[in-house]
Amino acid sequence: MDSALNLPALLRRYGLRPDRRLGQNFLVSASALRRVVAAAELRGDEAVLEIGPGVGSLTRLLAQRARRVVAVELDARLQPALEEVLRPYANVRLVFGDVLQHDPAGLMGGEPYVVVANIPYYITSAVIRHLLTAAARPQRVVLTVQREVAQRIAATPPHMSLLALSVQVFGQPRIAARIPGGAFYPRPKVDSAVVRVEIFPQPRIPEAHLSAFFRLAKAGFAQRRKTLRNALAAGLGCAPSEAEGLLRAAEIAPTRRAETLKLEEWAVLTAAFLQKQNSPT
C-alpha cells in the first residue's frame, strides 16, 4: 500500500484550498481510509463508482483492490492534483461533473457495480436517493457520512425516520466503522461513520407500489408530533376519519406515530391504500 498523501503540501503545490461551499473535508487518515476500503469487502473483480474523489486518497486504494474505478468529481479545480495522484493507476477513469446529473448505470457501462465514497454531508440524502432509485441499482453502497446521519439510516422502530425507511426498503444497512473528525482535512465539527448498505435483489416493497409507499411515508413523517391518523389526513388531503379507516384496514392503531412502524407494516398500509384507490366508489 502506498504511503499516506501529504495533502496540505499537495494542495499548496497546485494553489488549492478546500471549498467549504462544496463541503470539502478530505479523508486523510491512513487507518480511516483502510476502514472504508475494508467495509467494501472488495474481492478484486468489482467495478467501483466513487463519488467525490477529491484528490484521490481513497481512489488509489480502491484502484489497488478493484478491477476498475470510475471516480466522479464536481470540482474541476482538483483535476491537475487528482491526475497526478492517480497517474500510476490505469484502471481509474475520471469524470468531472455532478453525479446527480449522471445515470449510474451509464457511468458504469451497464455492468454490476459497487459504490464507495466519502460524500459531503449536504448532499447525502440526494446521493442516496439518486443511487437507490436508479434503473440499475448498485450491489452495495459504502458511504462515509456524518455519524448522526449514519445512525438515522440504520435506525429501527421506534426510532425510524423517512431516511431510514427510504434506505431499508432497498437494502440492509449497518454501521461498519466510526471515523473521528481528526481523520479529515480540514477537520469538520462533527464525527463521521462508515455505513454499508447491502442492496436487495428486489425492493421489499413491490416496484409497482413504490410511488404510493413513498407518498404515504412522506405524509406520515411530515408532522412527526402528530398521530398517523392526523399526519396522513394532512399529508394525503383527506378527512381524519378516512385516514383512520385506512389504518384500521391495515390493522395499525390510528394513534401510533410514523417512527414506530416496521417496514412490513408500511407494506400492508400501502397495499390497503392502493386497494382503496382502485376500488369502485
C-alpha atoms as a PDB file:
ATOM      1  CA  MET A   1       0.000   0.000   0.000  1.00  0.00           C
ATOM      2  CA  ASP A   2       1.292   3.494  -0.831  1.00  0.00           C
ATOM      3  CA  SER A   3       2.289   5.819   1.997  1.00  0.00           C
ATOM      4  CA  ALA A   4      -0.266   8.404   3.060  1.00  0.00           C
ATOM      5  CA  LEU A   5      -0.604  11.507   0.917  1.00  0.00           C
ATOM      6  CA  ASN A   6       0.812  14.759   2.226  1.00  0.00           C
ATOM      7  CA  LEU A   7      -2.429  16.516   1.443  1.00  0.00           C
ATOM      8  CA  PRO A   8      -1.595  20.055   2.646  1.00  0.00           C
ATOM      9  CA  ALA A   9       1.609  20.018   0.570  1.00  0.00           C
ATOM     10  CA  LEU A  10      -0.232  18.683  -2.478  1.00  0.00           C
ATOM     11  CA  LEU A  11      -2.886  21.388  -2.233  1.00  0.00           C
ATOM     12  CA  ARG A  12      -0.273  24.114  -1.804  1.00  0.00           C
ATOM     13  CA  ARG A  13       1.615  22.894  -4.863  1.00  0.00           C
ATOM     14  CA  TYR A  14      -1.462  23.436  -7.008  1.00  0.00           C
ATOM     15  CA  GLY A  15      -2.652  26.579  -5.232  1.00  0.00           C
ATOM     16  CA  LEU A  16      -5.762  24.854  -3.895  1.00  0.00           C
ATOM     17  CA  ARG A  17      -7.863  25.241  -0.787  1.00  0.00           C
ATOM     18  CA  PRO A  18     -10.803  23.079   0.304  1.00  0.00           C
ATOM     19  CA  ASP A  19     -14.069  24.730  -0.722  1.00  0.00           C
ATOM     20  CA  ARG A  20     -16.453  24.972   2.218  1.00  0.00           C
ATOM     21  CA  ARG A  21     -19.377  25.627  -0.107  1.00  0.00           C
ATOM     22  CA  LEU A  22     -18.828  22.157  -1.579  1.00  0.00           C
ATOM     23  CA  GLY A  23     -18.444  20.568   1.839  1.00  0.00           C
ATOM     24  CA  GLN A  24     -14.868  19.516   1.086  1.00  0.00           C
ATOM     25  CA  ASN A  25     -13.409  17.671   4.058  1.00  0.00           C
ATOM     26  CA  PHE A  26     -10.837  15.283   2.604  1.00  0.00           C
ATOM     27  CA  LEU A  27     -10.321  11.947   4.378  1.00  0.00           C
ATOM     28  CA  VAL A  28      -6.560  11.735   5.014  1.00  0.00           C
ATOM     29  CA  SER A  29      -6.038   9.288   7.900  1.00  0.00           C
ATOM     30  CA  ALA A  30      -4.446   6.091   6.548  1.00  0.00           C
ATOM     31  CA  SER A  31      -6.194   3.941   9.157  1.00  0.00           C
ATOM     32  CA  ALA A  32      -9.577   5.530   8.411  1.00  0.00           C
ATOM     33  CA  LEU A  33      -9.097   5.016   4.673  1.00  0.00           C
ATOM     34  CA  ARG A  34      -8.298   1.345   5.302  1.00  0.00           C
ATOM     35  CA  ARG A  35     -11.509   1.013   7.327  1.00  0.00           C
ATOM     36  CA  VAL A  36     -13.564   2.403   4.453  1.00  0.00           C
ATOM     37  CA  VAL A  37     -11.959   0.006   1.974  1.00  0.00           C
ATOM     38  CA  ALA A  38     -12.358  -2.922   4.377  1.00  0.00           C
ATOM     39  CA  ALA A  39     -16.076  -2.164   4.721  1.00  0.00           C
ATOM     40  CA  ALA A  40     -16.441  -2.534   0.943  1.00  0.00           C
ATOM     41  CA  GLU A  41     -15.036  -6.102   1.048  1.00  0.00           C
ATOM     42  CA  LEU A  42     -13.669  -5.865  -2.483  1.00  0.00           C
ATOM     43  CA  ARG A  43     -12.534  -9.184  -3.980  1.00  0.00           C
ATOM     44  CA  GLY A  44     -10.690  -7.729  -6.951  1.00  0.00           C
ATOM     45  CA  ASP A  45     -13.193  -8.247  -9.758  1.00  0.00           C
ATOM     46  CA  GLU A  46     -15.585  -5.382  -8.976  1.00  0.00           C
ATOM     47  CA  ALA A  47     -16.360  -2.190 -10.843  1.00  0.00           C
ATOM     48  CA  VAL A  48     -16.455   0.648  -8.296  1.00  0.00           C
ATOM     49  CA  LEU A  49     -18.201   4.000  -8.580  1.00  0.00           C
ATOM     50  CA  GLU A  50     -16.609   6.617  -6.333  1.00  0.00           C
ATOM     51  CA  ILE A  51     -18.396   9.905  -5.747  1.00  0.00           C
ATOM     52  CA  GLY A  52     -16.272  12.923  -4.856  1.00  0.00           C
ATOM     53  CA  PRO A  53     -12.725  11.534  -5.022  1.00  0.00           C
ATOM     54  CA  GLY A  54     -11.225  14.899  -4.041  1.00  0.00           C
ATOM     55  CA  VAL A  55      -7.511  14.462  -4.643  1.00  0.00           C
ATOM     56  CA  GLY A  56      -7.618  10.663  -4.779  1.00  0.00           C
ATOM     57  CA  SER A  57      -6.677   9.494  -1.269  1.00  0.00           C
ATOM     58  CA  LEU A  58      -9.392   6.845  -1.293  1.00  0.00           C
ATOM     59  CA  THR A  59      -9.399   6.379  -5.070  1.00  0.00           C
ATOM     60  CA  ARG A  60      -5.902   4.966  -5.226  1.00  0.00           C
ATOM     61  CA  LEU A  61      -6.676   2.397  -2.537  1.00  0.00           C
ATOM     62  CA  LEU A  62      -9.806   1.349  -4.412  1.00  0.00           C
ATOM     63  CA  ALA A  63      -7.775   1.067  -7.616  1.00  0.00           C
ATOM     64  CA  GLN A  64      -5.445  -1.403  -5.897  1.00  0.00           C
ATOM     65  CA  ARG A  65      -8.346  -3.671  -4.948  1.00  0.00           C
ATOM     66  CA  ALA A  66     -10.929  -3.333  -7.730  1.00  0.00           C
ATOM     67  CA  ARG A  67     -10.844  -4.247 -11.395  1.00  0.00           C
ATOM     68  CA  ARG A  68     -11.795  -0.700 -12.341  1.00  0.00           C
ATOM     69  CA  VAL A  69     -12.877   2.550 -10.698  1.00  0.00           C
ATOM     70  CA  VAL A  70     -14.998   5.361 -12.111  1.00  0.00           C
ATOM     71  CA  ALA A  71     -14.479   8.484  -9.988  1.00  0.00           C
ATOM     72  CA  VAL A  72     -16.890  11.407 -10.422  1.00  0.00           C
ATOM     73  CA  GLU A  73     -15.674  14.789  -9.143  1.00  0.00           C
ATOM     74  CA  LEU A  74     -17.704  18.003  -9.191  1.00  0.00           C
ATOM     75  CA  ASP A  75     -14.793  20.405  -8.569  1.00  0.00           C
ATOM     76  CA  ALA A  76     -12.776  20.762 -11.789  1.00  0.00           C
ATOM     77  CA  ARG A  77     -10.120  22.771  -9.907  1.00  0.00           C
ATOM     78  CA  LEU A  78      -8.882  19.485  -8.443  1.00  0.00           C
ATOM     79  CA  GLN A  79      -8.193  17.887 -11.822  1.00  0.00           C
ATOM     80  CA  PRO A  80      -4.407  18.511 -12.006  1.00  0.00           C
ATOM     81  CA  ALA A  81      -3.761  17.229  -8.458  1.00  0.00           C
ATOM     82  CA  LEU A  82      -6.109  14.293  -8.932  1.00  0.00           C
ATOM     83  CA  GLU A  83      -4.450  13.290 -12.187  1.00  0.00           C
ATOM     84  CA  GLU A  84      -1.008  13.432 -10.542  1.00  0.00           C
ATOM     85  CA  VAL A  85      -2.061  11.169  -7.665  1.00  0.00           C
ATOM     86  CA  LEU A  86      -3.810   8.674  -9.934  1.00  0.00           C
ATOM     87  CA  ARG A  87      -1.240   8.573 -12.754  1.00  0.00           C
ATOM     88  CA  PRO A  88       0.045   5.110 -11.688  1.00  0.00           C
ATOM     89  CA  TYR A  89      -3.445   3.572 -11.919  1.00  0.00           C
ATOM     90  CA  ALA A  90      -4.576   2.745 -15.435  1.00  0.00           C
ATOM     91  CA  ASN A  91      -7.810   1.217 -14.159  1.00  0.00           C
ATOM     92  CA  VAL A  92      -9.229   4.574 -12.991  1.00  0.00           C
ATOM     93  CA  ARG A  93     -11.492   6.705 -15.163  1.00  0.00           C
ATOM     94  CA  LEU A  94     -12.098  10.295 -14.058  1.00  0.00           C
ATOM     95  CA  VAL A  95     -15.377  12.043 -14.816  1.00  0.00           C
ATOM     96  CA  PHE A  96     -15.793  15.720 -13.964  1.00  0.00           C
ATOM     97  CA  GLY A  97     -19.350  16.833 -13.295  1.00  0.00           C
ATOM     98  CA  ASP A  98     -22.310  16.445 -10.959  1.00  0.00           C
ATOM     99  CA  VAL A  99     -23.021  12.781 -10.219  1.00  0.00           C
ATOM    100  CA  LEU A 100     -26.682  13.682  -9.693  1.00  0.00           C
ATOM    101  CA  GLN A 101     -26.835  14.585 -13.388  1.00  0.00           C
ATOM    102  CA  HIS A 102     -25.463  11.195 -14.481  1.00  0.00           C
ATOM    103  CA  ASP A 103     -27.171   7.820 -14.729  1.00  0.00           C
ATOM    104  CA  PRO A 104     -25.045   5.472 -12.566  1.00  0.00           C
ATOM    105  CA  ALA A 105     -25.588   2.561 -14.957  1.00  0.00           C
ATOM    106  CA  GLY A 106     -24.392   4.713 -17.854  1.00  0.00           C
ATOM    107  CA  LEU A 107     -21.269   5.707 -15.936  1.00  0.00           C
ATOM    108  CA  MET A 108     -20.510   2.054 -15.251  1.00  0.00           C
ATOM    109  CA  GLY A 109     -21.179   0.831 -18.774  1.00  0.00           C
ATOM    110  CA  GLY A 110     -24.192  -1.215 -17.721  1.00  0.00           C
ATOM    111  CA  GLU A 111     -22.237  -3.723 -15.614  1.00  0.00           C
ATOM    112  CA  PRO A 112     -22.835  -4.528 -11.924  1.00  0.00           C
ATOM    113  CA  TYR A 113     -21.096  -2.084  -9.606  1.00  0.00           C
ATOM    114  CA  VAL A 114     -20.341  -1.128  -6.025  1.00  0.00           C
ATOM    115  CA  VAL A 115     -20.383   2.448  -4.671  1.00  0.00           C
ATOM    116  CA  VAL A 116     -17.675   3.556  -2.239  1.00  0.00           C
ATOM    117  CA  ALA A 117     -17.451   7.242  -1.336  1.00  0.00           C
ATOM    118  CA  ASN A 118     -16.716   9.921   1.207  1.00  0.00           C
ATOM    119  CA  ILE A 119     -19.509  12.323   0.350  1.00  0.00           C
ATOM    120  CA  PRO A 120     -20.179  15.900   1.503  1.00  0.00           C
ATOM    121  CA  TYR A 121     -22.750  15.993   4.271  1.00  0.00           C
ATOM    122  CA  TYR A 122     -25.070  18.394   2.489  1.00  0.00           C
ATOM    123  CA  ILE A 123     -25.763  16.045  -0.443  1.00  0.00           C
ATOM    124  CA  THR A 124     -26.020  12.778   1.499  1.00  0.00           C
ATOM    125  CA  SER A 125     -29.779  12.308   1.114  1.00  0.00           C
ATOM    126  CA  ALA A 126     -29.763  13.372  -2.535  1.00  0.00           C
ATOM    127  CA  VAL A 127     -26.937  10.960  -3.413  1.00  0.00           C
ATOM    128  CA  ILE A 128     -28.579   8.047  -1.611  1.00  0.00           C
ATOM    129  CA  ARG A 129     -31.901   8.732  -3.323  1.00  0.00           C
ATOM    130  CA  HIS A 130     -30.172   9.008  -6.716  1.00  0.00           C
ATOM    131  CA  LEU A 131     -28.410   5.675  -6.284  1.00  0.00           C
ATOM    132  CA  LEU A 132     -31.303   3.702  -4.855  1.00  0.00           C
ATOM    133  CA  THR A 133     -33.888   4.903  -7.361  1.00  0.00           C
ATOM    134  CA  ALA A 134     -31.615   4.385 -10.373  1.00  0.00           C
ATOM    135  CA  ALA A 135     -32.771   1.981 -13.057  1.00  0.00           C
ATOM    136  CA  ALA A 136     -29.766  -0.219 -12.227  1.00  0.00           C
ATOM    137  CA  ARG A 137     -29.025  -0.041  -8.510  1.00  0.00           C
ATOM    138  CA  PRO A 138     -25.579  -0.838  -7.107  1.00  0.00           C
ATOM    139  CA  GLN A 139     -24.933  -4.178  -5.432  1.00  0.00           C
ATOM    140  CA  ARG A 140     -23.508  -2.488  -2.359  1.00  0.00           C
ATOM    141  CA  VAL A 141     -23.129   1.073  -1.101  1.00  0.00           C
ATOM    142  CA  VAL A 142     -20.380   2.091   1.337  1.00  0.00           C
ATOM    143  CA  LEU A 143     -20.527   5.749   2.371  1.00  0.00           C
ATOM    144  CA  THR A 144     -18.641   7.866   4.868  1.00  0.00           C
ATOM    145  CA  VAL A 145     -21.273  10.241   6.208  1.00  0.00           C
ATOM    146  CA  GLN A 146     -21.985  12.340   9.275  1.00  0.00           C
ATOM    147  CA  ARG A 147     -22.272   9.999  12.261  1.00  0.00           C
ATOM    148  CA  GLU A 148     -25.767  11.202  13.122  1.00  0.00           C
ATOM    149  CA  VAL A 149     -26.925  10.508   9.560  1.00  0.00           C
ATOM    150  CA  ALA A 150     -25.415   7.006   9.649  1.00  0.00           C
ATOM    151  CA  GLN A 151     -27.333   6.323  12.856  1.00  0.00           C
ATOM    152  CA  ARG A 152     -30.547   7.545  11.273  1.00  0.00           C
ATOM    153  CA  ILE A 153     -30.019   5.296   8.235  1.00  0.00           C
ATOM    154  CA  ALA A 154     -29.507   2.230  10.423  1.00  0.00           C
ATOM    155  CA  ALA A 155     -32.320   3.046  12.880  1.00  0.00           C
ATOM    156  CA  THR A 156     -35.074   0.597  13.813  1.00  0.00           C
ATOM    157  CA  PRO A 157     -38.563   1.162  15.321  1.00  0.00           C
ATOM    158  CA  PRO A 158     -39.450   3.080  17.430  1.00  0.00           C
ATOM    159  CA  HIS A 159     -36.771   5.440  16.101  1.00  0.00           C
ATOM    160  CA  MET A 160     -37.379   5.172  12.370  1.00  0.00           C
ATOM    161  CA  SER A 161     -37.051   8.151  10.049  1.00  0.00           C
ATOM    162  CA  LEU A 162     -38.035   8.773   6.461  1.00  0.00           C
ATOM    163  CA  LEU A 163     -34.358   8.389   5.525  1.00  0.00           C
ATOM    164  CA  ALA A 164     -34.122   5.010   7.280  1.00  0.00           C
ATOM    165  CA  LEU A 165     -37.284   3.804   5.593  1.00  0.00           C
ATOM    166  CA  SER A 166     -36.118   5.063   2.192  1.00  0.00           C
ATOM    167  CA  VAL A 167     -32.853   3.128   2.501  1.00  0.00           C
ATOM    168  CA  GLN A 168     -34.151  -0.022   4.153  1.00  0.00           C
ATOM    169  CA  VAL A 169     -36.766  -0.662   1.504  1.00  0.00           C
ATOM    170  CA  PHE A 170     -33.850  -1.206  -0.900  1.00  0.00           C
ATOM    171  CA  GLY A 171     -31.158  -2.718   1.303  1.00  0.00           C
ATOM    172  CA  GLN A 172     -29.866  -3.718   4.723  1.00  0.00           C
ATOM    173  CA  PRO A 173     -27.711  -1.031   6.367  1.00  0.00           C
ATOM    174  CA  ARG A 174     -25.160  -1.379   9.134  1.00  0.00           C
ATOM    175  CA  ILE A 175     -22.575   0.948  10.626  1.00  0.00           C
ATOM    176  CA  ALA A 176     -19.218  -0.575   9.715  1.00  0.00           C
ATOM    177  CA  ALA A 177     -16.835   1.914  11.358  1.00  0.00           C
ATOM    178  CA  ARG A 178     -16.652   5.206  13.195  1.00  0.00           C
ATOM    179  CA  ILE A 179     -14.398   7.937  11.831  1.00  0.00           C
ATOM    180  CA  PRO A 180     -13.317  10.806  14.135  1.00  0.00           C
ATOM    181  CA  GLY A 181     -13.237  14.368  12.880  1.00  0.00           C
ATOM    182  CA  GLY A 182      -9.459  14.396  13.140  1.00  0.00           C
ATOM    183  CA  ALA A 183      -9.234  11.918  10.245  1.00  0.00           C
ATOM    184  CA  PHE A 184     -10.228  14.707   7.822  1.00  0.00           C
ATOM    185  CA  TYR A 185      -8.565  17.802   6.392  1.00  0.00           C
ATOM    186  CA  PRO A 186      -9.812  20.326   7.212  1.00  0.00           C
ATOM    187  CA  ARG A 187     -11.314  18.894  10.381  1.00  0.00           C
ATOM    188  CA  PRO A 188     -15.133  19.049  10.452  1.00  0.00           C
ATOM    189  CA  LYS A 189     -17.073  19.946  13.575  1.00  0.00           C
ATOM    190  CA  VAL A 190     -18.727  16.516  13.734  1.00  0.00           C
ATOM    191  CA  ASP A 191     -17.573  12.907  13.671  1.00  0.00           C
ATOM    192  CA  SER A 192     -18.419  10.572  10.815  1.00  0.00           C
ATOM    193  CA  ALA A 193     -19.225   6.904  10.323  1.00  0.00           C
ATOM    194  CA  VAL A 194     -18.965   4.396   7.520  1.00  0.00           C
ATOM    195  CA  VAL A 195     -22.369   2.992   6.664  1.00  0.00           C
ATOM    196  CA  ARG A 196     -22.618  -0.076   4.452  1.00  0.00           C
ATOM    197  CA  VAL A 197     -25.858  -0.968   2.673  1.00  0.00           C
ATOM    198  CA  GLU A 198     -26.179  -4.389   1.085  1.00  0.00           C
ATOM    199  CA  ILE A 199     -28.730  -3.891  -1.696  1.00  0.00           C
ATOM    200  CA  PHE A 200     -31.517  -6.457  -2.075  1.00  0.00           C
ATOM    201  CA  PRO A 201     -32.079  -8.067  -5.499  1.00  0.00           C
ATOM    202  CA  GLN A 202     -35.590  -6.580  -5.348  1.00  0.00           C
ATOM    203  CA  PRO A 203     -37.035  -3.867  -3.054  1.00  0.00           C
ATOM    204  CA  ARG A 204     -39.016  -5.072  -0.055  1.00  0.00           C
ATOM    205  CA  ILE A 205     -41.986  -3.155  -1.461  1.00  0.00           C
ATOM    206  CA  PRO A 206     -43.086  -4.248  -4.949  1.00  0.00           C
ATOM    207  CA  GLU A 207     -41.773  -1.878  -7.616  1.00  0.00           C
ATOM    208  CA  ALA A 208     -45.315  -1.069  -8.710  1.00  0.00           C
ATOM    209  CA  HIS A 209     -46.174   0.025  -5.149  1.00  0.00           C
ATOM    210  CA  LEU A 210     -43.136   2.248  -4.511  1.00  0.00           C
ATOM    211  CA  SER A 211     -44.722   5.517  -5.600  1.00  0.00           C
ATOM    212  CA  ALA A 212     -47.671   5.010  -3.247  1.00  0.00           C
ATOM    213  CA  PHE A 213     -45.345   3.783  -0.480  1.00  0.00           C
ATOM    214  CA  PHE A 214     -43.240   6.955  -0.610  1.00  0.00           C
ATOM    215  CA  ARG A 215     -46.335   9.135  -0.779  1.00  0.00           C
ATOM    216  CA  LEU A 216     -47.643   7.557   2.433  1.00  0.00           C
ATOM    217  CA  ALA A 217     -44.246   7.609   4.157  1.00  0.00           C
ATOM    218  CA  LYS A 218     -43.658  11.292   3.354  1.00  0.00           C
ATOM    219  CA  ALA A 219     -47.114  12.126   4.668  1.00  0.00           C
ATOM    220  CA  GLY A 220     -46.572  10.089   7.821  1.00  0.00           C
ATOM    221  CA  PHE A 221     -43.220  11.652   8.655  1.00  0.00           C
ATOM    222  CA  ALA A 222     -44.079  15.206   7.595  1.00  0.00           C
ATOM    223  CA  GLN A 223     -45.579  16.016  11.011  1.00  0.00           C
ATOM    224  CA  ARG A 224     -43.865  13.667  13.430  1.00  0.00           C
ATOM    225  CA  ARG A 225     -45.569  15.048  16.530  1.00  0.00           C
ATOM    226  CA  LYS A 226     -48.941  14.023  15.149  1.00  0.00           C
ATOM    227  CA  THR A 227     -50.532  10.619  15.254  1.00  0.00           C
ATOM    228  CA  LEU A 228     -50.590   8.722  11.981  1.00  0.00           C
ATOM    229  CA  ARG A 229     -54.308   9.405  11.735  1.00  0.00           C
ATOM    230  CA  ASN A 230     -53.784  13.152  11.676  1.00  0.00           C
ATOM    231  CA  ALA A 231     -50.471  13.140   9.793  1.00  0.00           C
ATOM    232  CA  LEU A 232     -51.866  11.034   6.941  1.00  0.00           C
ATOM    233  CA  ALA A 233     -55.027  13.137   6.791  1.00  0.00           C
ATOM    234  CA  ALA A 234     -52.945  16.297   6.412  1.00  0.00           C
ATOM    235  CA  GLY A 235     -50.443  14.765   4.000  1.00  0.00           C
ATOM    236  CA  LEU A 236     -52.960  12.996   1.793  1.00  0.00           C
ATOM    237  CA  GLY A 237     -55.541  15.774   1.891  1.00  0.00           C
ATOM    238  CA  CYS A 238     -58.317  13.572   3.234  1.00  0.00           C
ATOM    239  CA  ALA A 239     -60.590  13.574   6.277  1.00  0.00           C
ATOM    240  CA  PRO A 240     -59.150  12.192   9.541  1.00  0.00           C
ATOM    241  CA  SER A 241     -61.903   9.577   9.556  1.00  0.00           C
ATOM    242  CA  GLU A 242     -60.790   8.398   6.114  1.00  0.00           C
ATOM    243  CA  ALA A 243     -57.172   8.141   7.275  1.00  0.00           C
ATOM    244  CA  GLU A 244     -58.307   6.218  10.340  1.00  0.00           C
ATOM    245  CA  GLY A 245     -60.257   3.796   8.168  1.00  0.00           C
ATOM    246  CA  LEU A 246     -57.174   3.195   6.029  1.00  0.00           C
ATOM    247  CA  LEU A 247     -55.045   2.484   9.099  1.00  0.00           C
ATOM    248  CA  ARG A 248     -57.622   0.138  10.580  1.00  0.00           C
ATOM    249  CA  ALA A 249     -57.807  -1.727   7.262  1.00  0.00           C
ATOM    250  CA  ALA A 250     -54.049  -2.305   7.643  1.00  0.00           C
ATOM    251  CA  GLU A 251     -54.547  -3.294  11.301  1.00  0.00           C
ATOM    252  CA  ILE A 252     -52.470  -0.326  12.510  1.00  0.00           C
ATOM    253  CA  ALA A 253     -53.659   1.670  15.516  1.00  0.00           C
ATOM    254  CA  PRO A 254     -54.504   5.232  14.353  1.00  0.00           C
ATOM    255  CA  THR A 255     -52.849   6.680  17.463  1.00  0.00           C
ATOM    256  CA  ARG A 256     -49.404   5.338  16.563  1.00  0.00           C
ATOM    257  CA  ARG A 257     -46.681   7.568  15.106  1.00  0.00           C
ATOM    258  CA  ALA A 258     -44.720   7.014  11.917  1.00  0.00           C
ATOM    259  CA  GLU A 259     -41.382   6.291  13.629  1.00  0.00           C
ATOM    260  CA  THR A 260     -42.861   3.225  15.378  1.00  0.00           C
ATOM    261  CA  LEU A 261     -43.922   1.354  12.240  1.00  0.00           C
ATOM    262  CA  LYS A 262     -41.927  -1.544  10.824  1.00  0.00           C
ATOM    263  CA  LEU A 263     -41.322  -1.687   7.087  1.00  0.00           C
ATOM    264  CA  GLU A 264     -43.679  -4.671   6.880  1.00  0.00           C
ATOM    265  CA  GLU A 265     -46.461  -2.513   8.323  1.00  0.00           C
ATOM    266  CA  TRP A 266     -45.804   0.194   5.732  1.00  0.00           C
ATOM    267  CA  ALA A 267     -46.096  -2.529   3.072  1.00  0.00           C
ATOM    268  CA  VAL A 268     -49.510  -3.585   4.385  1.00  0.00           C
ATOM    269  CA  LEU A 269     -50.613   0.052   4.640  1.00  0.00           C
ATOM    270  CA  THR A 270     -49.514   0.685   1.059  1.00  0.00           C
ATOM    271  CA  ALA A 271     -51.443  -2.350  -0.189  1.00  0.00           C
ATOM    272  CA  ALA A 272     -54.565  -1.162   1.664  1.00  0.00           C
ATOM    273  CA  PHE A 273     -54.161   2.331   0.224  1.00  0.00           C
ATOM    274  CA  LEU A 274     -53.854   1.033  -3.338  1.00  0.00           C
ATOM    275  CA  GLN A 275     -56.798  -1.325  -2.870  1.00  0.00           C
ATOM    276  CA  LYS A 276     -58.912   1.588  -1.665  1.00  0.00           C
ATOM    277  CA  GLN A 277     -57.804   3.740  -4.610  1.00  0.00           C
ATOM    278  CA  ASN A 278     -58.656   1.001  -7.106  1.00  0.00           C
ATOM    279  CA  SER A 279     -61.999   0.114  -5.549  1.00  0.00           C
ATOM    280  CA  PRO A 280     -65.092   1.404  -7.368  1.00  0.00           C
ATOM    281  CA  THR A 281     -66.740   4.262  -5.497  1.00  0.00           C
END
